[in-house]
Protein backbone atom coordinates (compact mmCIF):
# COMPACT_ATOMS: atom_id res chain seq x y z
CA UNK A 1 0.00 0.00 0.00
CA UNK A 2 1.36 3.39 -0.94
CA UNK A 3 0.92 6.71 0.83
CA UNK A 4 -0.09 9.41 -1.69
CA UNK A 5 2.01 11.99 0.19
CA UNK A 6 5.13 9.85 0.01
CA UNK A 7 8.05 11.59 -1.74
CA UNK A 8 10.58 9.70 -3.78
CA UNK A 9 14.04 11.19 -4.12
CA UNK A 10 15.94 10.74 -7.33
CA UNK A 11 19.44 11.86 -8.32
CA UNK A 12 19.49 15.23 -10.06
CA UNK A 13 21.31 14.26 -13.25
CA UNK A 14 23.06 16.81 -15.47
CA UNK A 15 21.89 19.91 -13.61
CA UNK A 16 23.99 23.03 -13.13
CA UNK A 17 25.38 23.75 -9.66
CA UNK A 18 27.04 27.06 -8.94
CA UNK A 19 28.40 29.12 -6.10
CA UNK A 20 25.95 32.00 -5.81
CA UNK A 21 28.59 34.59 -4.92
CA UNK A 22 32.04 35.46 -6.21
CA UNK A 23 34.14 33.67 -7.25
CA UNK A 24 31.54 32.07 -9.47
CA UNK A 25 32.43 28.37 -9.57
CA UNK A 26 30.23 26.03 -11.62
CA UNK A 27 29.75 22.32 -12.10
CA UNK A 28 27.32 19.83 -13.67
CA UNK A 29 26.02 16.82 -11.72
CA UNK A 30 26.80 13.31 -12.93
CA UNK A 31 24.34 10.43 -13.41
CA UNK A 32 24.26 9.84 -9.63
CA UNK A 33 23.63 13.50 -8.82
CA UNK A 34 27.16 14.24 -7.56
CA UNK A 35 28.98 17.45 -8.35
CA UNK A 36 32.47 18.73 -7.67
CA UNK A 37 33.38 22.35 -6.94
CA UNK A 38 37.10 23.04 -6.64
CA UNK A 39 38.98 25.87 -4.93
CA UNK A 40 36.03 27.06 -2.87
CA UNK A 41 37.14 29.82 -0.45
CA UNK A 42 36.80 29.40 3.32
CA UNK A 43 33.40 30.44 4.68
CA UNK A 44 29.70 29.74 4.39
CA UNK A 45 28.46 29.72 0.80
CA UNK A 46 25.10 29.63 -0.89
CA UNK A 47 24.86 27.17 -3.75
CA UNK A 48 22.25 27.36 -6.50
CA UNK A 49 21.05 24.26 -8.31
CA UNK A 50 19.45 25.05 -11.68
CA UNK A 51 17.27 22.40 -13.29
CA UNK A 52 14.30 22.09 -15.64
CA UNK A 53 10.97 20.32 -15.21
CA UNK A 54 8.18 19.66 -17.64
CA UNK A 55 4.82 21.03 -16.51
CA UNK A 56 2.06 19.96 -18.89
CA UNK A 57 3.63 20.77 -22.27
CA UNK A 58 5.86 23.58 -21.00
CA UNK A 59 9.47 23.28 -19.80
CA UNK A 60 10.20 25.43 -16.75
CA UNK A 61 13.57 26.32 -15.25
CA UNK A 62 13.71 26.06 -11.46
CA UNK A 63 16.22 26.97 -8.80
CA UNK A 64 16.95 25.11 -5.57
CA UNK A 65 19.22 26.57 -2.87
CA UNK A 66 21.69 24.80 -0.62
CA UNK A 67 24.40 25.97 1.78
CA UNK A 68 27.90 24.63 2.40
CA UNK A 69 30.40 25.62 5.08
CA UNK A 70 34.06 25.47 4.07
CA UNK A 71 36.54 25.35 6.93
CA UNK A 72 39.87 25.05 5.14
CA UNK A 73 41.40 26.92 2.21
CA UNK A 74 40.68 25.86 -1.35
CA UNK A 75 38.42 22.99 -0.38
CA UNK A 76 36.62 20.79 -2.86
CA UNK A 77 32.89 20.32 -2.41
CA UNK A 78 31.74 16.86 -3.48
CA UNK A 79 28.08 16.47 -2.74
CA UNK A 80 25.01 14.60 -3.94
CA UNK A 81 21.91 16.46 -5.20
CA UNK A 82 18.50 14.83 -5.15
CA UNK A 83 15.13 16.13 -6.25
CA UNK A 84 11.71 15.10 -5.01
CA UNK A 85 8.32 15.35 -6.66
CA UNK A 86 7.75 18.62 -4.76
CA UNK A 87 10.90 20.30 -6.21
PDB file of N, CA and C in Angstrom:
ATOM      1  N   UNK A   1       0.834  -1.172   0.000  1.00  0.00           N
ATOM      2  CA  UNK A   1       0.000   0.000   0.000  1.00  0.00           C
ATOM      3  C   UNK A   1       0.881   1.238   0.000  1.00  0.00           C
ATOM      4  N   UNK A   2       0.538   2.210  -0.786  1.00  0.00           N
ATOM      5  CA  UNK A   2       1.362   3.393  -0.944  1.00  0.00           C
ATOM      6  C   UNK A   2       0.660   4.632  -0.386  1.00  0.00           C
ATOM      7  N   UNK A   3       1.428   5.447   0.313  1.00  0.00           N
ATOM      8  CA  UNK A   3       0.920   6.711   0.826  1.00  0.00           C
ATOM      9  C   UNK A   3       1.012   7.751  -0.282  1.00  0.00           C
ATOM     10  N   UNK A   4      -0.086   8.435  -0.602  1.00  0.00           N
ATOM     11  CA  UNK A   4      -0.090   9.414  -1.691  1.00  0.00           C
ATOM     12  C   UNK A   4       0.825  10.594  -1.415  1.00  0.00           C
ATOM     13  N   UNK A   5       1.143  10.880  -0.150  1.00  0.00           N
ATOM     14  CA  UNK A   5       2.013  11.990   0.189  1.00  0.00           C
ATOM     15  C   UNK A   5       3.486  11.599   0.231  1.00  0.00           C
ATOM     16  N   UNK A   6       3.770  10.348  -0.043  1.00  0.00           N
ATOM     17  CA  UNK A   6       5.129   9.854   0.007  1.00  0.00           C
ATOM     18  C   UNK A   6       5.958  10.494  -1.101  1.00  0.00           C
ATOM     19  N   UNK A   7       7.162  10.984  -0.762  1.00  0.00           N
ATOM     20  CA  UNK A   7       8.055  11.593  -1.741  1.00  0.00           C
ATOM     21  C   UNK A   7       9.164  10.617  -2.086  1.00  0.00           C
ATOM     22  N   UNK A   8       9.480  10.538  -3.343  1.00  0.00           N
ATOM     23  CA  UNK A   8      10.579   9.703  -3.780  1.00  0.00           C
ATOM     24  C   UNK A   8      11.699  10.608  -4.258  1.00  0.00           C
ATOM     25  N   UNK A   9      12.892  10.422  -3.691  1.00  0.00           N
ATOM     26  CA  UNK A   9      14.041  11.194  -4.124  1.00  0.00           C
ATOM     27  C   UNK A   9      14.701  10.484  -5.282  1.00  0.00           C
ATOM     28  N   UNK A  10      15.199  11.280  -6.203  1.00  0.00           N
ATOM     29  CA  UNK A  10      15.935  10.736  -7.331  1.00  0.00           C
ATOM     30  C   UNK A  10      17.160  11.618  -7.561  1.00  0.00           C
ATOM     31  N   UNK A  11      18.254  11.044  -8.063  1.00  0.00           N
ATOM     32  CA  UNK A  11      19.440  11.862  -8.319  1.00  0.00           C
ATOM     33  C   UNK A  11      19.129  12.945  -9.347  1.00  0.00           C
ATOM     34  N   UNK A  12      19.653  14.120  -9.122  1.00  0.00           N
ATOM     35  CA  UNK A  12      19.488  15.228 -10.063  1.00  0.00           C
ATOM     36  C   UNK A  12      20.607  15.123 -11.090  1.00  0.00           C
ATOM     37  N   UNK A  13      20.310  14.516 -12.218  1.00  0.00           N
ATOM     38  CA  UNK A  13      21.306  14.260 -13.249  1.00  0.00           C
ATOM     39  C   UNK A  13      21.450  15.447 -14.191  1.00  0.00           C
ATOM     40  N   UNK A  14      22.707  15.775 -14.493  1.00  0.00           N
ATOM     41  CA  UNK A  14      23.055  16.805 -15.467  1.00  0.00           C
ATOM     42  C   UNK A  14      22.363  18.141 -15.209  1.00  0.00           C
ATOM     43  N   UNK A  15      22.396  18.583 -13.949  1.00  0.00           N
ATOM     44  CA  UNK A  15      21.894  19.908 -13.611  1.00  0.00           C
ATOM     45  C   UNK A  15      23.089  20.789 -13.248  1.00  0.00           C
ATOM     46  N   UNK A  16      22.917  22.092 -13.414  1.00  0.00           N
ATOM     47  CA  UNK A  16      23.990  23.033 -13.135  1.00  0.00           C
ATOM     48  C   UNK A  16      23.998  23.406 -11.654  1.00  0.00           C
ATOM     49  N   UNK A  17      25.185  23.373 -11.063  1.00  0.00           N
ATOM     50  CA  UNK A  17      25.380  23.745  -9.664  1.00  0.00           C
ATOM     51  C   UNK A  17      26.406  24.871  -9.666  1.00  0.00           C
ATOM     52  N   UNK A  18      26.096  25.961  -8.964  1.00  0.00           N
ATOM     53  CA  UNK A  18      27.043  27.059  -8.942  1.00  0.00           C
ATOM     54  C   UNK A  18      27.065  27.768  -7.600  1.00  0.00           C
ATOM     55  N   UNK A  19      28.238  28.288  -7.271  1.00  0.00           N
ATOM     56  CA  UNK A  19      28.404  29.121  -6.098  1.00  0.00           C
ATOM     57  C   UNK A  19      27.687  30.421  -6.403  1.00  0.00           C
ATOM     58  N   UNK A  20      26.786  30.839  -5.528  1.00  0.00           N
ATOM     59  CA  UNK A  20      25.950  32.004  -5.811  1.00  0.00           C
ATOM     60  C   UNK A  20      26.707  33.327  -5.734  1.00  0.00           C
ATOM     61  N   UNK A  21      27.821  33.357  -5.025  1.00  0.00           N
ATOM     62  CA  UNK A  21      28.594  34.589  -4.916  1.00  0.00           C
ATOM     63  C   UNK A  21      29.944  34.420  -5.597  1.00  0.00           C
ATOM     64  N   UNK A  22      30.736  35.466  -5.561  1.00  0.00           N
ATOM     65  CA  UNK A  22      32.038  35.455  -6.209  1.00  0.00           C
ATOM     66  C   UNK A  22      33.036  34.695  -5.330  1.00  0.00           C
ATOM     67  N   UNK A  23      33.973  33.939  -5.829  1.00  0.00           N
ATOM     68  CA  UNK A  23      34.140  33.671  -7.250  1.00  0.00           C
ATOM     69  C   UNK A  23      33.067  32.704  -7.745  1.00  0.00           C
ATOM     70  N   UNK A  24      32.604  32.912  -8.945  1.00  0.00           N
ATOM     71  CA  UNK A  24      31.542  32.072  -9.465  1.00  0.00           C
ATOM     72  C   UNK A  24      32.155  30.760  -9.983  1.00  0.00           C
ATOM     73  N   UNK A  25      31.911  29.697  -9.238  1.00  0.00           N
ATOM     74  CA  UNK A  25      32.435  28.373  -9.571  1.00  0.00           C
ATOM     75  C   UNK A  25      31.245  27.521  -9.962  1.00  0.00           C
ATOM     76  N   UNK A  26      31.351  26.800 -11.083  1.00  0.00           N
ATOM     77  CA  UNK A  26      30.230  26.027 -11.617  1.00  0.00           C
ATOM     78  C   UNK A  26      30.607  24.564 -11.812  1.00  0.00           C
ATOM     79  N   UNK A  27      29.570  23.739 -11.840  1.00  0.00           N
ATOM     80  CA  UNK A  27      29.746  22.316 -12.101  1.00  0.00           C
ATOM     81  C   UNK A  27      28.435  21.760 -12.655  1.00  0.00           C
ATOM     82  N   UNK A  28      28.506  20.562 -13.194  1.00  0.00           N
ATOM     83  CA  UNK A  28      27.325  19.833 -13.674  1.00  0.00           C
ATOM     84  C   UNK A  28      27.295  18.495 -12.939  1.00  0.00           C
ATOM     85  N   UNK A  29      26.114  18.093 -12.445  1.00  0.00           N
ATOM     86  CA  UNK A  29      26.018  16.825 -11.722  1.00  0.00           C
ATOM     87  C   UNK A  29      26.172  15.643 -12.680  1.00  0.00           C
ATOM     88  N   UNK A  30      26.659  14.536 -12.136  1.00  0.00           N
ATOM     89  CA  UNK A  30      26.800  13.313 -12.930  1.00  0.00           C
ATOM     90  C   UNK A  30      25.507  12.494 -12.860  1.00  0.00           C
ATOM     91  N   UNK A  31      25.545  11.262 -13.357  1.00  0.00           N
ATOM     92  CA  UNK A  31      24.342  10.426 -13.409  1.00  0.00           C
ATOM     93  C   UNK A  31      23.826  10.025 -12.029  1.00  0.00           C
ATOM     94  N   UNK A  32      24.680  10.160 -10.996  1.00  0.00           N
ATOM     95  CA  UNK A  32      24.261   9.837  -9.630  1.00  0.00           C
ATOM     96  C   UNK A  32      23.914  11.085  -8.828  1.00  0.00           C
ATOM     97  N   UNK A  33      23.967  12.257  -9.478  1.00  0.00           N
ATOM     98  CA  UNK A  33      23.627  13.502  -8.816  1.00  0.00           C
ATOM     99  C   UNK A  33      24.780  14.172  -8.087  1.00  0.00           C
ATOM    100  N   UNK A  34      26.007  13.653  -8.240  1.00  0.00           N
ATOM    101  CA  UNK A  34      27.157  14.236  -7.564  1.00  0.00           C
ATOM    102  C   UNK A  34      27.756  15.360  -8.393  1.00  0.00           C
ATOM    103  N   UNK A  35      28.267  16.366  -7.690  1.00  0.00           N
ATOM    104  CA  UNK A  35      28.980  17.451  -8.350  1.00  0.00           C
ATOM    105  C   UNK A  35      30.265  17.730  -7.592  1.00  0.00           C
ATOM    106  N   UNK A  36      31.179  18.404  -8.244  1.00  0.00           N
ATOM    107  CA  UNK A  36      32.473  18.726  -7.667  1.00  0.00           C
ATOM    108  C   UNK A  36      32.751  20.198  -7.912  1.00  0.00           C
ATOM    109  N   UNK A  37      32.988  20.949  -6.838  1.00  0.00           N
ATOM    110  CA  UNK A  37      33.382  22.348  -6.943  1.00  0.00           C
ATOM    111  C   UNK A  37      34.778  22.467  -6.343  1.00  0.00           C
ATOM    112  N   UNK A  38      35.736  22.928  -7.118  1.00  0.00           N
ATOM    113  CA  UNK A  38      37.104  23.044  -6.644  1.00  0.00           C
ATOM    114  C   UNK A  38      37.466  24.458  -6.248  1.00  0.00           C
ATOM    115  N   UNK A  39      38.448  24.580  -5.360  1.00  0.00           N
ATOM    116  CA  UNK A  39      38.984  25.869  -4.926  1.00  0.00           C
ATOM    117  C   UNK A  39      37.928  26.798  -4.331  1.00  0.00           C
ATOM    118  N   UNK A  40      37.055  26.257  -3.523  1.00  0.00           N
ATOM    119  CA  UNK A  40      36.026  27.060  -2.871  1.00  0.00           C
ATOM    120  C   UNK A  40      36.659  27.759  -1.669  1.00  0.00           C
ATOM    121  N   UNK A  41      36.534  29.088  -1.576  1.00  0.00           N
ATOM    122  CA  UNK A  41      37.135  29.818  -0.455  1.00  0.00           C
ATOM    123  C   UNK A  41      36.514  29.432   0.889  1.00  0.00           C
ATOM    124  N   UNK A  42      37.276  29.662   1.967  1.00  0.00           N
ATOM    125  CA  UNK A  42      36.801  29.399   3.325  1.00  0.00           C
ATOM    126  C   UNK A  42      35.575  30.266   3.602  1.00  0.00           C
ATOM    127  N   UNK A  43      34.590  29.693   4.294  1.00  0.00           N
ATOM    128  CA  UNK A  43      33.397  30.444   4.681  1.00  0.00           C
ATOM    129  C   UNK A  43      32.125  29.688   4.365  1.00  0.00           C
ATOM    130  N   UNK A  44      31.004  30.322   4.666  1.00  0.00           N
ATOM    131  CA  UNK A  44      29.699  29.742   4.390  1.00  0.00           C
ATOM    132  C   UNK A  44      29.236  30.257   3.029  1.00  0.00           C
ATOM    133  N   UNK A  45      28.822  29.346   2.161  1.00  0.00           N
ATOM    134  CA  UNK A  45      28.461  29.719   0.798  1.00  0.00           C
ATOM    135  C   UNK A  45      27.069  29.212   0.431  1.00  0.00           C
ATOM    136  N   UNK A  46      26.390  30.020  -0.343  1.00  0.00           N
ATOM    137  CA  UNK A  46      25.099  29.633  -0.895  1.00  0.00           C
ATOM    138  C   UNK A  46      25.350  29.007  -2.258  1.00  0.00           C
ATOM    139  N   UNK A  47      24.717  27.877  -2.481  1.00  0.00           N
ATOM    140  CA  UNK A  47      24.859  27.169  -3.752  1.00  0.00           C
ATOM    141  C   UNK A  47      23.498  27.125  -4.431  1.00  0.00           C
ATOM    142  N   UNK A  48      23.483  27.422  -5.713  1.00  0.00           N
ATOM    143  CA  UNK A  48      22.252  27.362  -6.495  1.00  0.00           C
ATOM    144  C   UNK A  48      22.299  26.142  -7.397  1.00  0.00           C
ATOM    145  N   UNK A  49      21.176  25.439  -7.463  1.00  0.00           N
ATOM    146  CA  UNK A  49      21.049  24.259  -8.312  1.00  0.00           C
ATOM    147  C   UNK A  49      19.976  24.576  -9.340  1.00  0.00           C
ATOM    148  N   UNK A  50      20.378  24.688 -10.607  1.00  0.00           N
ATOM    149  CA  UNK A  50      19.454  25.046 -11.681  1.00  0.00           C
ATOM    150  C   UNK A  50      19.059  23.789 -12.444  1.00  0.00           C
ATOM    151  N   UNK A  51      17.756  23.578 -12.583  1.00  0.00           N
ATOM    152  CA  UNK A  51      17.269  22.405 -13.295  1.00  0.00           C
ATOM    153  C   UNK A  51      15.971  22.741 -14.004  1.00  0.00           C
ATOM    154  N   UNK A  52      15.553  21.874 -14.909  1.00  0.00           N
ATOM    155  CA  UNK A  52      14.305  22.089 -15.642  1.00  0.00           C
ATOM    156  C   UNK A  52      13.328  20.960 -15.334  1.00  0.00           C
ATOM    157  N   UNK A  53      12.043  21.299 -15.372  1.00  0.00           N
ATOM    158  CA  UNK A  53      10.974  20.315 -15.212  1.00  0.00           C
ATOM    159  C   UNK A  53       9.948  20.560 -16.301  1.00  0.00           C
ATOM    160  N   UNK A  54       9.250  19.516 -16.663  1.00  0.00           N
ATOM    161  CA  UNK A  54       8.181  19.662 -17.641  1.00  0.00           C
ATOM    162  C   UNK A  54       6.852  19.728 -16.906  1.00  0.00           C
ATOM    163  N   UNK A  55       6.128  20.824 -17.108  1.00  0.00           N
ATOM    164  CA  UNK A  55       4.817  21.027 -16.510  1.00  0.00           C
ATOM    165  C   UNK A  55       3.830  21.115 -17.667  1.00  0.00           C
ATOM    166  N   UNK A  56       2.950  20.110 -17.735  1.00  0.00           N
ATOM    167  CA  UNK A  56       2.059  19.959 -18.891  1.00  0.00           C
ATOM    168  C   UNK A  56       2.917  19.872 -20.143  1.00  0.00           C
ATOM    169  N   UNK A  57       2.808  20.815 -21.052  1.00  0.00           N
ATOM    170  CA  UNK A  57       3.626  20.773 -22.270  1.00  0.00           C
ATOM    171  C   UNK A  57       4.707  21.845 -22.268  1.00  0.00           C
ATOM    172  N   UNK A  58       4.913  22.472 -21.121  1.00  0.00           N
ATOM    173  CA  UNK A  58       5.855  23.576 -21.005  1.00  0.00           C
ATOM    174  C   UNK A  58       7.055  23.159 -20.153  1.00  0.00           C
ATOM    175  N   UNK A  59       8.254  23.544 -20.574  1.00  0.00           N
ATOM    176  CA  UNK A  59       9.472  23.276 -19.801  1.00  0.00           C
ATOM    177  C   UNK A  59       9.770  24.525 -18.973  1.00  0.00           C
ATOM    178  N   UNK A  60       9.927  24.327 -17.655  1.00  0.00           N
ATOM    179  CA  UNK A  60      10.203  25.435 -16.745  1.00  0.00           C
ATOM    180  C   UNK A  60      11.564  25.250 -16.102  1.00  0.00           C
ATOM    181  N   UNK A  61      12.305  26.355 -15.967  1.00  0.00           N
ATOM    182  CA  UNK A  61      13.572  26.323 -15.253  1.00  0.00           C
ATOM    183  C   UNK A  61      13.295  26.631 -13.791  1.00  0.00           C
ATOM    184  N   UNK A  62      13.902  25.864 -12.903  1.00  0.00           N
ATOM    185  CA  UNK A  62      13.713  26.063 -11.462  1.00  0.00           C
ATOM    186  C   UNK A  62      15.062  26.199 -10.785  1.00  0.00           C
ATOM    187  N   UNK A  63      15.020  26.736  -9.577  1.00  0.00           N
ATOM    188  CA  UNK A  63      16.223  26.965  -8.803  1.00  0.00           C
ATOM    189  C   UNK A  63      16.013  26.431  -7.390  1.00  0.00           C
ATOM    190  N   UNK A  64      16.968  25.650  -6.924  1.00  0.00           N
ATOM    191  CA  UNK A  64      16.946  25.114  -5.565  1.00  0.00           C
ATOM    192  C   UNK A  64      18.201  25.635  -4.874  1.00  0.00           C
ATOM    193  N   UNK A  65      18.086  26.009  -3.618  1.00  0.00           N
ATOM    194  CA  UNK A  65      19.222  26.568  -2.872  1.00  0.00           C
ATOM    195  C   UNK A  65      19.747  25.564  -1.855  1.00  0.00           C
ATOM    196  N   UNK A  66      21.035  25.618  -1.622  1.00  0.00           N
ATOM    197  CA  UNK A  66      21.694  24.801  -0.618  1.00  0.00           C
ATOM    198  C   UNK A  66      22.796  25.658  -0.006  1.00  0.00           C
ATOM    199  N   UNK A  67      23.326  25.240   1.121  1.00  0.00           N
ATOM    200  CA  UNK A  67      24.405  25.969   1.782  1.00  0.00           C
ATOM    201  C   UNK A  67      25.508  24.992   2.152  1.00  0.00           C
ATOM    202  N   UNK A  68      26.756  25.433   1.964  1.00  0.00           N
ATOM    203  CA  UNK A  68      27.905  24.634   2.403  1.00  0.00           C
ATOM    204  C   UNK A  68      28.805  25.514   3.253  1.00  0.00           C
ATOM    205  N   UNK A  69      29.457  24.897   4.226  1.00  0.00           N
ATOM    206  CA  UNK A  69      30.402  25.615   5.078  1.00  0.00           C
ATOM    207  C   UNK A  69      31.785  25.028   4.822  1.00  0.00           C
ATOM    208  N   UNK A  70      32.693  25.880   4.384  1.00  0.00           N
ATOM    209  CA  UNK A  70      34.064  25.466   4.071  1.00  0.00           C
ATOM    210  C   UNK A  70      34.972  25.947   5.197  1.00  0.00           C
ATOM    211  N   UNK A  71      35.721  25.011   5.778  1.00  0.00           N
ATOM    212  CA  UNK A  71      36.545  25.349   6.935  1.00  0.00           C
ATOM    213  C   UNK A  71      38.037  25.400   6.644  1.00  0.00           C
ATOM    214  N   UNK A  72      38.449  24.954   5.471  1.00  0.00           N
ATOM    215  CA  UNK A  72      39.874  25.046   5.135  1.00  0.00           C
ATOM    216  C   UNK A  72      40.040  25.589   3.725  1.00  0.00           C
ATOM    217  N   UNK A  73      41.155  26.213   3.472  1.00  0.00           N
ATOM    218  CA  UNK A  73      41.398  26.920   2.211  1.00  0.00           C
ATOM    219  C   UNK A  73      41.324  25.997   1.005  1.00  0.00           C
ATOM    220  N   UNK A  74      40.761  26.511  -0.048  1.00  0.00           N
ATOM    221  CA  UNK A  74      40.682  25.856  -1.354  1.00  0.00           C
ATOM    222  C   UNK A  74      40.120  24.440  -1.273  1.00  0.00           C
ATOM    223  N   UNK A  75      39.054  24.296  -0.534  1.00  0.00           N
ATOM    224  CA  UNK A  75      38.416  22.989  -0.383  1.00  0.00           C
ATOM    225  C   UNK A  75      37.687  22.595  -1.662  1.00  0.00           C
ATOM    226  N   UNK A  76      37.411  21.334  -1.764  1.00  0.00           N
ATOM    227  CA  UNK A  76      36.618  20.791  -2.860  1.00  0.00           C
ATOM    228  C   UNK A  76      35.305  20.307  -2.277  1.00  0.00           C
ATOM    229  N   UNK A  77      34.211  20.762  -2.848  1.00  0.00           N
ATOM    230  CA  UNK A  77      32.892  20.319  -2.408  1.00  0.00           C
ATOM    231  C   UNK A  77      32.482  19.168  -3.311  1.00  0.00           C
ATOM    232  N   UNK A  78      32.201  18.023  -2.729  1.00  0.00           N
ATOM    233  CA  UNK A  78      31.738  16.861  -3.481  1.00  0.00           C
ATOM    234  C   UNK A  78      30.473  16.404  -2.792  1.00  0.00           C
ATOM    235  N   UNK A  79      29.348  16.675  -3.400  1.00  0.00           N
ATOM    236  CA  UNK A  79      28.077  16.466  -2.739  1.00  0.00           C
ATOM    237  C   UNK A  79      27.070  15.861  -3.708  1.00  0.00           C
ATOM    238  N   UNK A  80      26.056  15.221  -3.156  1.00  0.00           N
ATOM    239  CA  UNK A  80      25.010  14.595  -3.945  1.00  0.00           C
ATOM    240  C   UNK A  80      23.763  15.474  -3.926  1.00  0.00           C
ATOM    241  N   UNK A  81      23.153  15.687  -5.088  1.00  0.00           N
ATOM    242  CA  UNK A  81      21.914  16.461  -5.201  1.00  0.00           C
ATOM    243  C   UNK A  81      20.786  15.518  -5.549  1.00  0.00           C
ATOM    244  N   UNK A  82      19.688  15.597  -4.808  1.00  0.00           N
ATOM    245  CA  UNK A  82      18.499  14.830  -5.145  1.00  0.00           C
ATOM    246  C   UNK A  82      17.315  15.769  -5.274  1.00  0.00           C
ATOM    247  N   UNK A  83      16.369  15.372  -6.073  1.00  0.00           N
ATOM    248  CA  UNK A  83      15.130  16.125  -6.254  1.00  0.00           C
ATOM    249  C   UNK A  83      13.973  15.236  -5.874  1.00  0.00           C
ATOM    250  N   UNK A  84      12.925  15.839  -5.333  1.00  0.00           N
ATOM    251  CA  UNK A  84      11.712  15.097  -5.013  1.00  0.00           C
ATOM    252  C   UNK A  84      10.591  15.583  -5.920  1.00  0.00           C
ATOM    253  N   UNK A  85       9.451  14.963  -5.838  1.00  0.00           N
ATOM    254  CA  UNK A  85       8.319  15.354  -6.659  1.00  0.00           C
ATOM    255  C   UNK A  85       7.884  16.777  -6.359  1.00  0.00           C
ATOM    256  N   UNK A  86       8.155  17.268  -5.140  1.00  0.00           N
ATOM    257  CA  UNK A  86       7.752  18.619  -4.763  1.00  0.00           C
ATOM    258  C   UNK A  86       8.675  19.688  -5.315  1.00  0.00           C
ATOM    259  N   UNK A  87       9.924  19.317  -5.708  1.00  0.00           N
ATOM    260  CA  UNK A  87      10.901  20.301  -6.206  1.00  0.00           C
ATOM    261  C   UNK A  87      10.520  20.820  -7.574  1.00  0.00           C
TER     262      UNK A  87
END
